[in-house]
Amino acid sequence: MVELLCSLCISGGLVAGTVPGLREFHQGETLRSVAAVLETDLQYARSLARTQDRSVRLALQTPEDGGACYVIHSGPAGACTCDAQGVARCTGEAEALRVQPLLASAGVRINAGSRSIVFDAGKGTVTPTATFVLADSQGRAVHQVVNVLGRIRSCSPSGLSGYRRCS
């Protein structure tokens, strides 16, 4: 009986020591996942502009109810909006091509210098250039930098594994 109790105490101590590490690992993986989806969607928006021969926008929204979302759409700036549940609303002839919600419960925040960027149909260039900053509650971050040619570069100022350090 004493041996069983000792084994349970040791096991409990080991589990208690790993739970914070697992939480940090989960948050890091969530950040990596959200960054990968954003990078893929930026490339998708650029390729849509080229293949459909029309300008395509990516508009970032930060609703008051928390979280964030972005919508890839045709039409002018401000023609489409979305909410944190992933519901898009467009006016006029604008068309929502993809909506990506980012729930507040995910623990990842997204910010950008520009709330809307447009990929040109003819050249695939982007106006304005933008840096999307994704950060978790631990202070780790991933930057998605979109240059004027529409190319995306990912880096991490916090040295998150799997990413180059931002310079």
N, C-alpha and C. Protein backbone atom coordinates (compact mmCIF):
# COMPACT_ATOMS: atom_id res chain seq x y z
N MET A 1 0.82 -1.19 0.00
CA MET A 1 0.00 0.00 0.00
C MET A 1 0.87 1.26 0.00
N VAL A 2 1.93 1.23 0.78
CA VAL A 2 2.84 2.38 0.85
C VAL A 2 3.51 2.59 -0.51
N GLU A 3 3.91 1.50 -1.15
CA GLU A 3 4.54 1.61 -2.46
C GLU A 3 3.57 2.20 -3.49
N LEU A 4 2.32 1.81 -3.42
CA LEU A 4 1.31 2.34 -4.32
C LEU A 4 1.13 3.84 -4.11
N LEU A 5 1.04 4.26 -2.85
CA LEU A 5 0.89 5.68 -2.54
C LEU A 5 2.11 6.47 -3.01
N CYS A 6 3.29 5.93 -2.82
CA CYS A 6 4.52 6.60 -3.30
C CYS A 6 4.50 6.72 -4.82
N SER A 7 4.07 5.68 -5.49
CA SER A 7 4.00 5.71 -6.96
C SER A 7 3.00 6.77 -7.42
N LEU A 8 1.85 6.84 -6.74
CA LEU A 8 0.85 7.84 -7.10
C LEU A 8 1.36 9.25 -6.85
N CYS A 9 2.07 9.47 -5.77
CA CYS A 9 2.62 10.79 -5.47
C CYS A 9 3.65 11.20 -6.52
N ILE A 10 4.51 10.29 -6.89
CA ILE A 10 5.52 10.58 -7.90
C ILE A 10 4.86 10.85 -9.24
N SER A 11 3.89 10.03 -9.61
CA SER A 11 3.17 10.23 -10.87
C SER A 11 2.44 11.57 -10.88
N GLY A 12 1.80 11.91 -9.77
CA GLY A 12 1.10 13.19 -9.67
C GLY A 12 2.05 14.36 -9.81
N GLY A 13 3.22 14.26 -9.21
CA GLY A 13 4.22 15.32 -9.34
C GLY A 13 4.70 15.47 -10.77
N LEU A 14 4.91 14.36 -11.45
CA LEU A 14 5.34 14.43 -12.84
C LEU A 14 4.27 15.04 -13.73
N VAL A 15 3.02 14.66 -13.52
CA VAL A 15 1.93 15.22 -14.32
C VAL A 15 1.79 16.71 -14.05
N ALA A 16 1.86 17.11 -12.79
CA ALA A 16 1.73 18.53 -12.45
C ALA A 16 2.86 19.35 -13.07
N GLY A 17 4.03 18.76 -13.21
CA GLY A 17 5.15 19.46 -13.81
C GLY A 17 5.04 19.59 -15.32
N THR A 18 4.31 18.70 -15.96
CA THR A 18 4.22 18.74 -17.43
C THR A 18 3.04 19.55 -17.94
N VAL A 19 2.03 19.78 -17.13
CA VAL A 19 0.83 20.50 -17.59
C VAL A 19 1.16 21.91 -18.10
N PRO A 20 1.94 22.74 -17.38
CA PRO A 20 2.27 24.06 -17.93
C PRO A 20 3.06 23.96 -19.24
N GLY A 21 3.94 22.99 -19.32
CA GLY A 21 4.70 22.80 -20.55
C GLY A 21 3.81 22.42 -21.72
N LEU A 22 2.82 21.59 -21.45
CA LEU A 22 1.87 21.20 -22.51
C LEU A 22 1.03 22.39 -22.96
N ARG A 23 0.65 23.24 -22.01
CA ARG A 23 -0.14 24.43 -22.35
C ARG A 23 0.68 25.36 -23.25
N GLU A 24 1.95 25.57 -22.89
CA GLU A 24 2.82 26.41 -23.72
C GLU A 24 3.02 25.80 -25.10
N PHE A 25 3.21 24.50 -25.15
CA PHE A 25 3.39 23.80 -26.43
C PHE A 25 2.14 23.98 -27.29
N HIS A 26 0.96 23.81 -26.70
CA HIS A 26 -0.30 23.95 -27.43
C HIS A 26 -0.45 25.37 -27.98
N GLN A 27 -0.14 26.38 -27.17
CA GLN A 27 -0.26 27.76 -27.64
C GLN A 27 0.72 28.04 -28.78
N GLY A 28 1.93 27.50 -28.68
CA GLY A 28 2.90 27.66 -29.76
C GLY A 28 2.43 27.02 -31.05
N GLU A 29 1.85 25.82 -30.94
CA GLU A 29 1.34 25.13 -32.13
C GLU A 29 0.14 25.86 -32.71
N THR A 30 -0.69 26.45 -31.87
CA THR A 30 -1.83 27.23 -32.36
C THR A 30 -1.32 28.44 -33.13
N LEU A 31 -0.31 29.12 -32.61
CA LEU A 31 0.27 30.27 -33.30
C LEU A 31 0.85 29.86 -34.65
N ARG A 32 1.58 28.76 -34.68
CA ARG A 32 2.14 28.27 -35.95
C ARG A 32 1.03 27.94 -36.95
N SER A 33 -0.03 27.32 -36.47
CA SER A 33 -1.15 26.93 -37.32
C SER A 33 -1.84 28.16 -37.93
N VAL A 34 -2.13 29.15 -37.10
CA VAL A 34 -2.79 30.36 -37.59
C VAL A 34 -1.89 31.08 -38.60
N ALA A 35 -0.58 31.12 -38.32
CA ALA A 35 0.36 31.76 -39.24
C ALA A 35 0.40 31.02 -40.58
N ALA A 36 0.36 29.71 -40.55
CA ALA A 36 0.39 28.92 -41.79
C ALA A 36 -0.88 29.15 -42.61
N VAL A 37 -2.02 29.23 -41.95
CA VAL A 37 -3.28 29.48 -42.66
C VAL A 37 -3.26 30.87 -43.29
N LEU A 38 -2.78 31.87 -42.55
CA LEU A 38 -2.73 33.23 -43.10
C LEU A 38 -1.79 33.28 -44.31
N GLU A 39 -0.63 32.66 -44.20
CA GLU A 39 0.31 32.65 -45.32
C GLU A 39 -0.32 31.99 -46.55
N THR A 40 -0.99 30.88 -46.34
CA THR A 40 -1.65 30.19 -47.45
C THR A 40 -2.74 31.05 -48.07
N ASP A 41 -3.51 31.74 -47.23
CA ASP A 41 -4.58 32.59 -47.75
C ASP A 41 -4.04 33.80 -48.50
N LEU A 42 -2.92 34.35 -48.07
CA LEU A 42 -2.30 35.46 -48.80
C LEU A 42 -1.86 34.99 -50.19
N GLN A 43 -1.27 33.81 -50.25
CA GLN A 43 -0.86 33.26 -51.54
C GLN A 43 -2.08 32.95 -52.41
N TYR A 44 -3.14 32.47 -51.77
CA TYR A 44 -4.38 32.17 -52.48
C TYR A 44 -4.97 33.44 -53.09
N ALA A 45 -5.00 34.52 -52.32
CA ALA A 45 -5.54 35.79 -52.82
C ALA A 45 -4.74 36.28 -54.01
N ARG A 46 -3.43 36.17 -53.93
CA ARG A 46 -2.57 36.60 -55.04
C ARG A 46 -2.84 35.75 -56.29
N SER A 47 -2.94 34.44 -56.10
CA SER A 47 -3.17 33.57 -57.26
C SER A 47 -4.56 33.79 -57.86
N LEU A 48 -5.56 34.07 -57.03
CA LEU A 48 -6.90 34.37 -57.55
C LEU A 48 -6.88 35.62 -58.42
N ALA A 49 -6.16 36.63 -57.95
CA ALA A 49 -6.08 37.87 -58.72
C ALA A 49 -5.48 37.60 -60.10
N ARG A 50 -4.45 36.77 -60.13
CA ARG A 50 -3.79 36.47 -61.41
C ARG A 50 -4.66 35.59 -62.31
N THR A 51 -5.22 34.53 -61.75
CA THR A 51 -5.96 33.57 -62.59
C THR A 51 -7.32 34.07 -63.01
N GLN A 52 -7.98 34.88 -62.17
CA GLN A 52 -9.31 35.38 -62.52
C GLN A 52 -9.26 36.76 -63.17
N ASP A 53 -8.07 37.29 -63.31
CA ASP A 53 -7.86 38.59 -63.95
C ASP A 53 -8.75 39.67 -63.35
N ARG A 54 -8.77 39.71 -62.01
CA ARG A 54 -9.49 40.78 -61.31
C ARG A 54 -8.78 41.04 -59.99
N SER A 55 -8.90 42.25 -59.52
CA SER A 55 -8.26 42.60 -58.25
C SER A 55 -8.96 41.86 -57.11
N VAL A 56 -8.15 41.40 -56.18
CA VAL A 56 -8.66 40.66 -55.02
C VAL A 56 -8.10 41.32 -53.77
N ARG A 57 -8.96 41.52 -52.79
CA ARG A 57 -8.57 42.15 -51.53
C ARG A 57 -8.56 41.16 -50.38
N LEU A 58 -7.72 41.46 -49.41
CA LEU A 58 -7.79 40.79 -48.12
C LEU A 58 -8.04 41.89 -47.10
N ALA A 59 -9.18 41.81 -46.42
CA ALA A 59 -9.57 42.83 -45.44
C ALA A 59 -9.60 42.20 -44.06
N LEU A 60 -8.86 42.81 -43.14
CA LEU A 60 -8.78 42.35 -41.76
C LEU A 60 -9.80 43.10 -40.92
N GLN A 61 -10.55 42.37 -40.13
CA GLN A 61 -11.57 42.95 -39.25
C GLN A 61 -11.26 42.54 -37.81
N THR A 62 -11.44 43.46 -36.89
CA THR A 62 -11.33 43.14 -35.47
C THR A 62 -12.63 43.56 -34.79
N PRO A 63 -13.62 42.66 -34.77
CA PRO A 63 -14.92 43.00 -34.20
C PRO A 63 -14.83 43.34 -32.70
N GLU A 64 -15.78 44.12 -32.24
CA GLU A 64 -15.79 44.54 -30.84
C GLU A 64 -16.05 43.39 -29.89
N ASP A 65 -16.67 42.30 -30.38
CA ASP A 65 -16.98 41.18 -29.49
C ASP A 65 -15.76 40.27 -29.28
N GLY A 66 -14.59 40.69 -29.73
CA GLY A 66 -13.37 39.91 -29.52
C GLY A 66 -13.02 39.08 -30.73
N GLY A 67 -11.82 38.55 -30.73
CA GLY A 67 -11.36 37.76 -31.85
C GLY A 67 -11.04 38.64 -33.04
N ALA A 68 -10.98 38.05 -34.19
CA ALA A 68 -10.70 38.76 -35.43
C ALA A 68 -11.15 37.88 -36.58
N CYS A 69 -11.14 38.42 -37.76
CA CYS A 69 -11.39 37.63 -38.96
C CYS A 69 -10.85 38.42 -40.14
N TYR A 70 -10.65 37.72 -41.22
CA TYR A 70 -10.33 38.40 -42.46
C TYR A 70 -11.15 37.76 -43.57
N VAL A 71 -11.43 38.58 -44.57
CA VAL A 71 -12.21 38.11 -45.71
C VAL A 71 -11.42 38.44 -46.98
N ILE A 72 -11.32 37.47 -47.84
CA ILE A 72 -10.74 37.67 -49.16
C ILE A 72 -11.92 37.90 -50.09
N HIS A 73 -11.89 39.03 -50.81
CA HIS A 73 -13.06 39.37 -51.61
C HIS A 73 -12.69 40.16 -52.85
N SER A 74 -13.62 40.20 -53.77
CA SER A 74 -13.51 41.07 -54.94
C SER A 74 -14.21 42.37 -54.59
N GLY A 75 -14.06 43.37 -55.43
CA GLY A 75 -14.75 44.62 -55.21
C GLY A 75 -13.90 45.64 -54.48
N PRO A 76 -14.47 46.80 -54.23
CA PRO A 76 -13.72 47.89 -53.61
C PRO A 76 -13.46 47.67 -52.12
N ALA A 77 -12.56 48.48 -51.58
CA ALA A 77 -12.26 48.43 -50.15
C ALA A 77 -13.53 48.72 -49.36
N GLY A 78 -13.73 47.99 -48.30
CA GLY A 78 -14.90 48.19 -47.45
C GLY A 78 -16.17 47.54 -47.97
N ALA A 79 -16.10 46.87 -49.11
CA ALA A 79 -17.30 46.25 -49.68
C ALA A 79 -17.70 44.99 -48.93
N CYS A 80 -16.76 44.35 -48.26
CA CYS A 80 -17.06 43.14 -47.50
C CYS A 80 -16.52 43.27 -46.08
N THR A 81 -17.29 42.77 -45.15
CA THR A 81 -16.86 42.70 -43.75
C THR A 81 -17.14 41.29 -43.25
N CYS A 82 -16.53 40.97 -42.13
CA CYS A 82 -16.79 39.67 -41.51
C CYS A 82 -16.77 39.85 -40.01
N ASP A 83 -17.31 38.85 -39.31
CA ASP A 83 -17.29 38.89 -37.86
C ASP A 83 -16.49 37.71 -37.34
N ALA A 84 -16.27 37.67 -36.04
CA ALA A 84 -15.42 36.65 -35.43
C ALA A 84 -15.98 35.23 -35.56
N GLN A 85 -17.25 35.10 -35.94
CA GLN A 85 -17.83 33.77 -36.16
C GLN A 85 -17.64 33.31 -37.61
N GLY A 86 -17.06 34.17 -38.45
CA GLY A 86 -16.78 33.79 -39.83
C GLY A 86 -17.91 34.07 -40.80
N VAL A 87 -18.79 34.98 -40.45
CA VAL A 87 -19.89 35.34 -41.34
C VAL A 87 -19.48 36.59 -42.12
N ALA A 88 -19.53 36.50 -43.45
CA ALA A 88 -19.15 37.62 -44.32
C ALA A 88 -20.40 38.30 -44.85
N ARG A 89 -20.29 39.62 -44.97
CA ARG A 89 -21.37 40.41 -45.57
C ARG A 89 -20.74 41.32 -46.61
N CYS A 90 -21.27 41.25 -47.82
CA CYS A 90 -20.75 42.07 -48.92
C CYS A 90 -21.85 42.94 -49.48
N THR A 91 -21.46 44.08 -50.02
CA THR A 91 -22.41 45.00 -50.65
C THR A 91 -22.08 45.11 -52.13
N GLY A 92 -23.06 45.54 -52.89
CA GLY A 92 -22.86 45.73 -54.33
C GLY A 92 -22.53 44.41 -55.01
N GLU A 93 -21.61 44.49 -55.95
CA GLU A 93 -21.22 43.30 -56.70
C GLU A 93 -20.01 42.59 -56.10
N ALA A 94 -19.58 43.03 -54.94
CA ALA A 94 -18.44 42.39 -54.28
C ALA A 94 -18.80 40.95 -53.91
N GLU A 95 -17.82 40.08 -53.96
CA GLU A 95 -18.03 38.66 -53.67
C GLU A 95 -17.01 38.20 -52.66
N ALA A 96 -17.49 37.58 -51.57
CA ALA A 96 -16.58 37.00 -50.59
C ALA A 96 -16.05 35.68 -51.15
N LEU A 97 -14.73 35.56 -51.24
CA LEU A 97 -14.11 34.36 -51.81
C LEU A 97 -13.63 33.40 -50.73
N ARG A 98 -13.30 33.95 -49.57
CA ARG A 98 -12.88 33.12 -48.43
C ARG A 98 -12.98 33.96 -47.18
N VAL A 99 -13.45 33.34 -46.09
CA VAL A 99 -13.54 34.00 -44.80
C VAL A 99 -12.81 33.14 -43.79
N GLN A 100 -12.01 33.77 -42.94
CA GLN A 100 -11.28 33.03 -41.91
C GLN A 100 -11.48 33.70 -40.56
N PRO A 101 -12.25 33.07 -39.67
CA PRO A 101 -12.41 33.62 -38.33
C PRO A 101 -11.21 33.25 -37.45
N LEU A 102 -10.94 34.09 -36.48
CA LEU A 102 -9.92 33.82 -35.47
C LEU A 102 -10.57 34.08 -34.12
N LEU A 103 -11.04 33.02 -33.49
CA LEU A 103 -11.77 33.14 -32.24
C LEU A 103 -10.87 33.66 -31.12
N ALA A 104 -11.43 34.46 -30.24
CA ALA A 104 -10.68 34.99 -29.11
C ALA A 104 -10.14 33.86 -28.24
N SER A 105 -10.88 32.74 -28.17
CA SER A 105 -10.46 31.62 -27.34
C SER A 105 -9.20 30.93 -27.87
N ALA A 106 -8.81 31.20 -29.12
CA ALA A 106 -7.59 30.61 -29.68
C ALA A 106 -6.35 31.17 -29.01
N GLY A 107 -6.46 32.36 -28.44
CA GLY A 107 -5.32 32.96 -27.75
C GLY A 107 -4.30 33.59 -28.67
N VAL A 108 -4.65 33.81 -29.93
CA VAL A 108 -3.75 34.45 -30.89
C VAL A 108 -4.38 35.75 -31.36
N ARG A 109 -3.60 36.82 -31.28
CA ARG A 109 -4.06 38.13 -31.76
C ARG A 109 -3.43 38.40 -33.12
N ILE A 110 -4.12 39.14 -33.95
CA ILE A 110 -3.59 39.52 -35.26
C ILE A 110 -3.72 41.02 -35.43
N ASN A 111 -2.65 41.64 -35.88
CA ASN A 111 -2.64 43.07 -36.15
C ASN A 111 -1.93 43.31 -37.48
N ALA A 112 -2.25 44.40 -38.12
CA ALA A 112 -1.58 44.77 -39.36
C ALA A 112 -1.56 46.28 -39.46
N GLY A 113 -0.56 46.79 -40.14
CA GLY A 113 -0.47 48.23 -40.36
C GLY A 113 -1.58 48.73 -41.26
N SER A 114 -2.05 47.85 -42.13
CA SER A 114 -3.12 48.20 -43.06
C SER A 114 -4.26 47.20 -42.88
N ARG A 115 -5.47 47.68 -42.84
CA ARG A 115 -6.63 46.81 -42.66
C ARG A 115 -7.09 46.15 -43.96
N SER A 116 -6.60 46.65 -45.08
CA SER A 116 -7.01 46.09 -46.37
C SER A 116 -5.86 46.20 -47.35
N ILE A 117 -5.56 45.10 -48.03
CA ILE A 117 -4.57 45.13 -49.09
C ILE A 117 -5.22 44.57 -50.35
N VAL A 118 -4.75 45.03 -51.50
CA VAL A 118 -5.33 44.59 -52.76
C VAL A 118 -4.22 44.00 -53.64
N PHE A 119 -4.51 42.83 -54.20
CA PHE A 119 -3.62 42.18 -55.15
C PHE A 119 -4.07 42.57 -56.55
N ASP A 120 -3.15 43.12 -57.32
CA ASP A 120 -3.44 43.58 -58.67
C ASP A 120 -3.62 42.40 -59.62
N ALA A 121 -4.59 42.51 -60.49
CA ALA A 121 -4.90 41.40 -61.41
C ALA A 121 -3.81 41.18 -62.45
N GLY A 122 -3.26 42.25 -62.97
CA GLY A 122 -2.29 42.12 -64.06
C GLY A 122 -0.93 41.62 -63.63
N LYS A 123 -0.44 42.13 -62.51
CA LYS A 123 0.94 41.83 -62.11
C LYS A 123 1.05 40.99 -60.84
N GLY A 124 -0.02 40.89 -60.09
CA GLY A 124 0.04 40.17 -58.82
C GLY A 124 0.70 40.97 -57.72
N THR A 125 0.94 42.26 -57.98
CA THR A 125 1.56 43.11 -56.95
C THR A 125 0.53 43.46 -55.89
N VAL A 126 1.01 43.99 -54.78
CA VAL A 126 0.11 44.32 -53.67
C VAL A 126 0.25 45.79 -53.30
N THR A 127 -0.88 46.39 -52.94
CA THR A 127 -0.90 47.78 -52.49
C THR A 127 -1.81 47.86 -51.27
N PRO A 128 -1.42 48.45 -50.20
CA PRO A 128 -0.06 48.76 -49.81
C PRO A 128 0.65 47.49 -49.32
N THR A 129 1.95 47.58 -49.16
CA THR A 129 2.66 46.45 -48.56
C THR A 129 2.19 46.35 -47.11
N ALA A 130 2.33 45.19 -46.53
CA ALA A 130 1.80 45.01 -45.18
C ALA A 130 2.62 44.00 -44.39
N THR A 131 2.58 44.16 -43.10
CA THR A 131 3.13 43.17 -42.17
C THR A 131 2.02 42.77 -41.22
N PHE A 132 1.66 41.50 -41.27
CA PHE A 132 0.65 40.96 -40.35
C PHE A 132 1.41 40.37 -39.17
N VAL A 133 1.05 40.81 -37.98
CA VAL A 133 1.71 40.34 -36.77
C VAL A 133 0.74 39.46 -36.00
N LEU A 134 1.13 38.20 -35.82
CA LEU A 134 0.34 37.25 -35.03
C LEU A 134 1.10 37.01 -33.74
N ALA A 135 0.43 37.13 -32.61
CA ALA A 135 1.10 36.97 -31.32
C ALA A 135 0.23 36.16 -30.38
N ASP A 136 0.88 35.40 -29.50
CA ASP A 136 0.15 34.63 -28.49
C ASP A 136 0.33 35.27 -27.12
N SER A 137 -0.29 34.71 -26.12
CA SER A 137 -0.26 35.28 -24.78
C SER A 137 1.10 35.14 -24.11
N GLN A 138 1.98 34.31 -24.66
CA GLN A 138 3.33 34.13 -24.11
C GLN A 138 4.31 35.17 -24.65
N GLY A 139 3.86 36.01 -25.58
CA GLY A 139 4.73 37.02 -26.17
C GLY A 139 5.45 36.54 -27.42
N ARG A 140 5.21 35.31 -27.82
CA ARG A 140 5.79 34.82 -29.07
C ARG A 140 5.01 35.40 -30.23
N ALA A 141 5.71 35.64 -31.33
CA ALA A 141 5.06 36.26 -32.48
C ALA A 141 5.60 35.71 -33.79
N VAL A 142 4.77 35.79 -34.81
CA VAL A 142 5.15 35.47 -36.18
C VAL A 142 4.72 36.66 -37.03
N HIS A 143 5.64 37.14 -37.86
CA HIS A 143 5.33 38.23 -38.78
C HIS A 143 5.19 37.66 -40.18
N GLN A 144 4.11 38.01 -40.86
CA GLN A 144 3.91 37.67 -42.26
C GLN A 144 4.09 38.98 -43.03
N VAL A 145 5.21 39.10 -43.74
CA VAL A 145 5.55 40.33 -44.45
C VAL A 145 5.21 40.15 -45.93
N VAL A 146 4.34 41.01 -46.44
CA VAL A 146 3.94 40.96 -47.84
C VAL A 146 4.62 42.13 -48.55
N ASN A 147 5.52 41.80 -49.50
CA ASN A 147 6.23 42.88 -50.19
C ASN A 147 5.44 43.36 -51.40
N VAL A 148 5.96 44.38 -52.07
CA VAL A 148 5.24 45.01 -53.17
C VAL A 148 4.97 44.04 -54.32
N LEU A 149 5.79 43.01 -54.47
CA LEU A 149 5.57 42.03 -55.52
C LEU A 149 4.55 40.97 -55.12
N GLY A 150 4.01 41.07 -53.91
CA GLY A 150 3.01 40.13 -53.44
C GLY A 150 3.59 38.87 -52.83
N ARG A 151 4.90 38.84 -52.64
CA ARG A 151 5.53 37.67 -52.03
C ARG A 151 5.47 37.78 -50.52
N ILE A 152 5.36 36.62 -49.88
CA ILE A 152 5.20 36.58 -48.43
C ILE A 152 6.45 35.98 -47.81
N ARG A 153 6.92 36.66 -46.76
CA ARG A 153 8.07 36.18 -46.00
C ARG A 153 7.63 36.07 -44.55
N SER A 154 7.94 34.95 -43.92
CA SER A 154 7.57 34.74 -42.53
C SER A 154 8.82 34.77 -41.66
N CYS A 155 8.69 35.40 -40.50
CA CYS A 155 9.80 35.42 -39.55
C CYS A 155 9.22 35.58 -38.14
N SER A 156 10.08 35.36 -37.16
CA SER A 156 9.65 35.47 -35.77
C SER A 156 10.66 36.30 -34.99
N PRO A 157 10.24 37.46 -34.45
CA PRO A 157 11.16 38.26 -33.65
C PRO A 157 11.51 37.58 -32.32
N SER A 158 10.63 36.69 -31.87
CA SER A 158 10.85 36.00 -30.60
C SER A 158 11.62 34.70 -30.78
N GLY A 159 12.01 34.39 -32.01
CA GLY A 159 12.79 33.18 -32.27
C GLY A 159 11.99 31.90 -32.16
N LEU A 160 10.72 31.94 -32.52
CA LEU A 160 9.87 30.75 -32.49
C LEU A 160 10.46 29.71 -33.43
N SER A 161 10.58 28.49 -32.96
CA SER A 161 11.21 27.45 -33.76
C SER A 161 10.44 27.23 -35.07
N GLY A 162 11.18 26.99 -36.13
CA GLY A 162 10.60 26.81 -37.44
C GLY A 162 10.55 28.06 -38.27
N TYR A 163 10.92 29.22 -37.69
CA TYR A 163 10.93 30.49 -38.39
C TYR A 163 12.28 31.17 -38.25
N ARG A 164 12.66 31.88 -39.31
CA ARG A 164 13.85 32.72 -39.22
C ARG A 164 13.59 33.85 -38.24
N ARG A 165 14.63 34.32 -37.62
CA ARG A 165 14.51 35.48 -36.73
C ARG A 165 14.36 36.74 -37.59
N CYS A 166 13.40 37.59 -37.24
CA CYS A 166 13.20 38.83 -37.98
C CYS A 166 14.40 39.75 -37.75
N SER A 167 14.79 40.43 -38.82
CA SER A 167 15.93 41.35 -38.68
C SER A 167 15.47 42.78 -38.61
